[in-house]
Each structure stands twice: as structure tokens, then as C-alpha cells.
Amino acid sequence: MDRSERPWGHYHVLADEEDHKVKRIYVEPGMRISYQRHTKRSEHWFFLRGEGVAVLNQENFKVGPGDTIDIPAGMAHRIENVGEVGPLVFVEVQHGTYFGEDDIIRLEDDFGRV
């Protein structure tokens, strides 16, 4: 399983196919991913563990186990772990024409990657 470390946590690539990519993502307590968007892919998030706040086009949504979020290509989004114990864990299914990390357009970032 391909594991990639990030300043906010890590992810495992579960599938990397021509028409989709699947990741299991772990966001550590108090951490959040960059506020970002993609031009060539949409995403579907299915939450497995923890408590989070998803931001979609500047609107906040509380999420937890069993919740899902659809993120169309071009929509600004971010997820934050607001739980106090353990990572926020979710599965991300990417669908589109390209799944490279260089399709991330960072709008805001806690780690200076904008």
C-alpha cells in the first residue's frame, strides 16, 4: 500500500486506475488540509472515524462516521479534524481525467504551500 506523509497526517493509496483513484486519509487532531480545488477531478468523501468540519465554498459542515460529501471539480474545499482524540479517517474517491498532486490549487494553507 502506497503511504504518503503530509504535515497534517498521511494517506494510503488504495487504488490508482485510469479513470479513478482511491485514498484512505488520516487527519491528525487539530490539523486541516489546505483550502483547495481541482480542475480535472471531482471527489467523494466517506467518513469512517472521528469528528470533522468540512468547508465547501466557505460553508461549514460537521461530519462524522457514516457521513458523505461530494465535491465537484472546481469547488473550493477543506477538511479539519475537530476531535480531541485520534485521527479523522475517511475514504476519498477521485473521479475525472487526471489525479496527480499537481492538480491541487491551494487557496489557503497552514504550512506555507500556497
Protein backbone atom coordinates (compact mmCIF):
# COMPACT_ATOMS: atom_id res chain seq x y z
CA MET A 1 0.00 0.00 0.00
CA ASP A 2 1.42 3.37 -1.06
CA ARG A 3 1.70 5.68 2.01
CA SER A 4 2.38 9.41 1.73
CA GLU A 5 3.21 11.63 4.72
CA ARG A 6 1.82 15.17 4.91
CA PRO A 7 2.18 17.90 7.58
CA TRP A 8 -1.46 17.33 8.63
CA GLY A 9 -1.32 13.49 8.69
CA HIS A 10 -0.96 10.87 5.96
CA TYR A 11 -2.81 8.84 3.34
CA HIS A 12 -2.67 5.43 1.70
CA VAL A 13 -3.45 4.95 -1.98
CA LEU A 14 -5.86 2.00 -2.20
CA ALA A 15 -6.42 2.10 -5.97
CA ASP A 16 -4.87 4.08 -8.81
CA GLU A 17 -6.64 3.38 -12.08
CA GLU A 18 -7.01 5.21 -15.38
CA ASP A 19 -10.48 6.55 -14.50
CA HIS A 20 -10.31 6.84 -10.69
CA LYS A 21 -8.08 6.93 -7.61
CA VAL A 22 -8.98 5.87 -4.05
CA LYS A 23 -7.22 7.02 -0.86
CA ARG A 24 -7.72 6.38 2.85
CA ILE A 25 -6.85 9.69 4.53
CA TYR A 26 -5.86 10.32 8.17
CA VAL A 27 -6.02 13.90 9.50
CA GLU A 28 -4.48 14.31 12.96
CA PRO A 29 -6.34 16.13 15.80
CA GLY A 30 -6.33 19.91 15.40
CA MET A 31 -4.99 19.68 11.85
CA ARG A 32 -6.57 20.54 8.50
CA ILE A 33 -5.71 20.16 4.85
CA SER A 34 -5.21 23.18 2.63
CA TYR A 35 -8.24 25.05 1.32
CA GLN A 36 -8.03 23.89 -2.29
CA ARG A 37 -9.74 23.00 -5.53
CA HIS A 38 -9.05 20.77 -8.52
CA THR A 39 -9.72 21.36 -12.21
CA LYS A 40 -9.55 17.79 -13.53
CA ARG A 41 -11.24 15.69 -10.86
CA SER A 42 -14.20 15.51 -8.53
CA GLU A 43 -14.05 13.82 -5.11
CA HIS A 44 -16.39 11.83 -2.89
CA TRP A 45 -15.53 11.56 0.81
CA PHE A 46 -16.91 8.81 3.09
CA PHE A 47 -16.08 9.36 6.78
CA LEU A 48 -15.12 6.33 8.87
CA ARG A 49 -13.82 7.64 12.20
CA GLY A 50 -13.52 10.89 14.15
CA GLU A 51 -15.15 14.32 14.06
CA GLY A 52 -14.53 16.95 11.44
CA VAL A 53 -15.63 20.16 9.84
CA ALA A 54 -15.69 20.24 6.05
CA VAL A 55 -15.60 23.58 4.28
CA LEU A 56 -17.19 23.72 0.81
CA ASN A 57 -17.07 27.11 -0.92
CA GLN A 58 -16.71 28.79 2.52
CA GLU A 59 -19.71 26.95 4.05
CA ASN A 60 -19.05 24.71 7.09
CA PHE A 61 -20.49 21.19 7.57
CA LYS A 62 -19.94 18.97 10.63
CA VAL A 63 -19.05 15.40 9.65
CA GLY A 64 -18.57 12.08 11.43
CA PRO A 65 -18.70 8.33 10.82
CA GLY A 66 -21.10 7.38 8.02
CA ASP A 67 -21.35 10.89 6.57
CA THR A 68 -20.51 11.59 2.93
CA ILE A 69 -19.60 14.68 0.93
CA ASP A 70 -19.47 15.18 -2.84
CA ILE A 71 -17.02 17.76 -4.17
CA PRO A 72 -17.44 18.66 -7.85
CA ALA A 73 -14.39 19.71 -9.86
CA GLY A 74 -13.67 23.39 -9.27
CA MET A 75 -15.29 23.59 -5.81
CA ALA A 76 -13.08 25.02 -3.03
CA HIS A 77 -12.86 22.57 -0.12
CA ARG A 78 -11.01 21.61 3.06
CA ILE A 79 -11.43 19.22 5.98
CA GLU A 80 -10.37 19.79 9.60
CA ASN A 81 -10.15 17.28 12.45
CA VAL A 82 -12.01 18.92 15.37
CA GLY A 83 -11.89 15.81 17.57
CA GLU A 84 -9.60 15.65 20.57
CA VAL A 85 -8.54 12.01 20.31
CA GLY A 86 -7.23 10.17 17.27
CA PRO A 87 -7.25 10.91 13.58
CA LEU A 88 -10.21 11.81 11.40
CA VAL A 89 -10.29 8.96 8.87
CA PHE A 90 -12.12 8.98 5.55
CA VAL A 91 -12.01 7.35 2.14
CA GLU A 92 -11.64 9.68 -0.83
CA VAL A 93 -12.72 8.51 -4.28
CA GLN A 94 -11.41 10.72 -7.07
CA HIS A 95 -13.09 10.62 -10.48
CA GLY A 96 -12.05 12.55 -13.57
CA THR A 97 -9.35 12.77 -16.19
CA TYR A 98 -6.22 13.34 -14.07
CA PHE A 99 -5.28 12.50 -10.46
CA GLY A 100 -1.80 13.99 -9.99
CA GLU A 101 -0.96 16.06 -6.92
CA ASP A 102 -0.13 18.97 -9.25
CA ASP A 103 -3.89 19.41 -9.88
CA ILE A 104 -4.16 20.92 -6.38
CA ILE A 105 -4.76 24.67 -6.47
CA ARG A 106 -4.13 25.81 -2.89
CA LEU A 107 -6.13 28.88 -1.85
CA GLU A 108 -5.03 28.84 1.83
CA ASP A 109 -2.56 26.61 3.64
CA ASP A 110 -1.37 26.34 7.26
CA PHE A 111 2.04 25.09 6.10
CA GLY A 112 3.09 27.80 3.62
CA ARG A 113 2.42 25.74 0.48
CA VAL A 114 0.22 28.31 -1.35
